[in-house]
Amino acid sequence: MAFFTQAVNVLKILVMAVGAGLGAWGVINLMEGYGNDNRATRS
């Protein structure tokens, strides 16, 4: 039973790490998108 408990804890850590990475990627994509909405800088 201890093996399963440890496996679940490792999976929780992996899921949190993947979620944090996707969240950071999303925030970066949002910030990059905001740079293109200024009409004066578009040519």
N, C-alpha and C. Protein backbone atom coordinates (compact mmCIF):
# COMPACT_ATOMS: atom_id res chain seq x y z
N MET A 1 0.82 -1.21 0.00
CA MET A 1 0.00 0.00 0.00
C MET A 1 0.86 1.27 0.00
N ALA A 2 2.02 1.19 0.61
CA ALA A 2 2.92 2.35 0.65
C ALA A 2 3.40 2.70 -0.75
N PHE A 3 3.56 1.67 -1.59
CA PHE A 3 4.00 1.93 -2.96
C PHE A 3 2.96 2.76 -3.70
N PHE A 4 1.69 2.41 -3.54
CA PHE A 4 0.62 3.14 -4.22
C PHE A 4 0.52 4.57 -3.71
N THR A 5 0.70 4.75 -2.43
CA THR A 5 0.67 6.10 -1.85
C THR A 5 1.80 6.95 -2.42
N GLN A 6 2.97 6.36 -2.52
CA GLN A 6 4.10 7.10 -3.08
C GLN A 6 3.87 7.38 -4.57
N ALA A 7 3.31 6.42 -5.29
CA ALA A 7 3.04 6.62 -6.72
C ALA A 7 2.02 7.74 -6.92
N VAL A 8 1.00 7.79 -6.09
CA VAL A 8 0.00 8.85 -6.20
C VAL A 8 0.63 10.20 -5.91
N ASN A 9 1.51 10.27 -4.92
CA ASN A 9 2.18 11.53 -4.61
C ASN A 9 3.07 11.99 -5.76
N VAL A 10 3.77 11.05 -6.40
CA VAL A 10 4.61 11.41 -7.54
C VAL A 10 3.74 11.91 -8.69
N LEU A 11 2.61 11.25 -8.93
CA LEU A 11 1.71 11.70 -10.00
C LEU A 11 1.15 13.07 -9.71
N LYS A 12 0.83 13.36 -8.46
CA LYS A 12 0.34 14.69 -8.09
C LYS A 12 1.39 15.75 -8.41
N ILE A 13 2.64 15.46 -8.08
CA ILE A 13 3.73 16.41 -8.36
C ILE A 13 3.88 16.62 -9.86
N LEU A 14 3.82 15.53 -10.63
CA LEU A 14 3.95 15.65 -12.08
C LEU A 14 2.81 16.46 -12.68
N VAL A 15 1.59 16.21 -12.23
CA VAL A 15 0.44 16.95 -12.75
C VAL A 15 0.55 18.43 -12.41
N MET A 16 1.00 18.73 -11.19
CA MET A 16 1.16 20.14 -10.81
C MET A 16 2.25 20.81 -11.63
N ALA A 17 3.34 20.08 -11.90
CA ALA A 17 4.43 20.66 -12.70
C ALA A 17 3.97 20.92 -14.13
N VAL A 18 3.24 19.97 -14.72
CA VAL A 18 2.74 20.17 -16.07
C VAL A 18 1.75 21.33 -16.10
N GLY A 19 0.88 21.41 -15.11
CA GLY A 19 -0.08 22.50 -15.05
C GLY A 19 0.60 23.85 -14.90
N ALA A 20 1.63 23.92 -14.08
CA ALA A 20 2.35 25.17 -13.91
C ALA A 20 3.06 25.57 -15.20
N GLY A 21 3.63 24.60 -15.89
CA GLY A 21 4.29 24.89 -17.16
C GLY A 21 3.31 25.40 -18.20
N LEU A 22 2.15 24.76 -18.30
CA LEU A 22 1.13 25.21 -19.26
C LEU A 22 0.60 26.59 -18.88
N GLY A 23 0.44 26.83 -17.58
CA GLY A 23 -0.02 28.15 -17.15
C GLY A 23 0.98 29.24 -17.49
N ALA A 24 2.25 28.97 -17.27
CA ALA A 24 3.28 29.96 -17.60
C ALA A 24 3.32 30.21 -19.11
N TRP A 25 3.17 29.14 -19.89
CA TRP A 25 3.16 29.27 -21.35
C TRP A 25 1.97 30.10 -21.80
N GLY A 26 0.82 29.89 -21.18
CA GLY A 26 -0.36 30.68 -21.51
C GLY A 26 -0.18 32.15 -21.19
N VAL A 27 0.40 32.44 -20.05
CA VAL A 27 0.62 33.84 -19.67
C VAL A 27 1.60 34.50 -20.64
N ILE A 28 2.64 33.79 -21.03
CA ILE A 28 3.60 34.34 -21.99
C ILE A 28 2.92 34.61 -23.32
N ASN A 29 2.07 33.68 -23.78
CA ASN A 29 1.36 33.88 -25.04
C ASN A 29 0.42 35.08 -24.94
N LEU A 30 -0.23 35.27 -23.81
CA LEU A 30 -1.12 36.42 -23.66
C LEU A 30 -0.32 37.72 -23.72
N MET A 31 0.83 37.75 -23.05
CA MET A 31 1.64 38.97 -23.04
C MET A 31 2.17 39.28 -24.43
N GLU A 32 2.53 38.26 -25.20
CA GLU A 32 3.01 38.49 -26.56
C GLU A 32 1.88 39.02 -27.43
N GLY A 33 0.68 38.56 -27.20
CA GLY A 33 -0.45 39.00 -28.00
C GLY A 33 -0.79 40.46 -27.78
N TYR A 34 -0.56 40.97 -26.57
CA TYR A 34 -0.91 42.36 -26.29
C TYR A 34 0.00 43.34 -27.02
N GLY A 35 1.13 42.91 -27.51
CA GLY A 35 2.03 43.81 -28.22
C GLY A 35 1.57 44.15 -29.62
N ASN A 36 0.57 43.45 -30.13
CA ASN A 36 0.16 43.64 -31.52
C ASN A 36 -1.12 44.44 -31.68
N ASP A 37 -1.62 45.05 -30.62
CA ASP A 37 -2.90 45.75 -30.72
C ASP A 37 -2.78 47.25 -30.83
N ASN A 38 -1.57 47.75 -31.04
CA ASN A 38 -1.39 49.19 -31.19
C ASN A 38 -1.41 49.52 -32.67
N ARG A 39 -2.39 50.32 -33.11
CA ARG A 39 -2.53 50.63 -34.53
C ARG A 39 -1.37 51.43 -35.08
N ALA A 40 -0.76 52.26 -34.26
CA ALA A 40 0.32 53.13 -34.75
C ALA A 40 1.56 52.31 -35.12
N THR A 41 1.77 51.18 -34.45
CA THR A 41 2.99 50.41 -34.72
C THR A 41 2.79 49.42 -35.88
N ARG A 42 1.56 49.22 -36.31
CA ARG A 42 1.31 48.29 -37.43
C ARG A 42 1.61 48.98 -38.74
N SER A 43 2.17 48.23 -39.69
CA SER A 43 2.44 48.84 -41.00
C SER A 43 1.79 48.02 -42.10
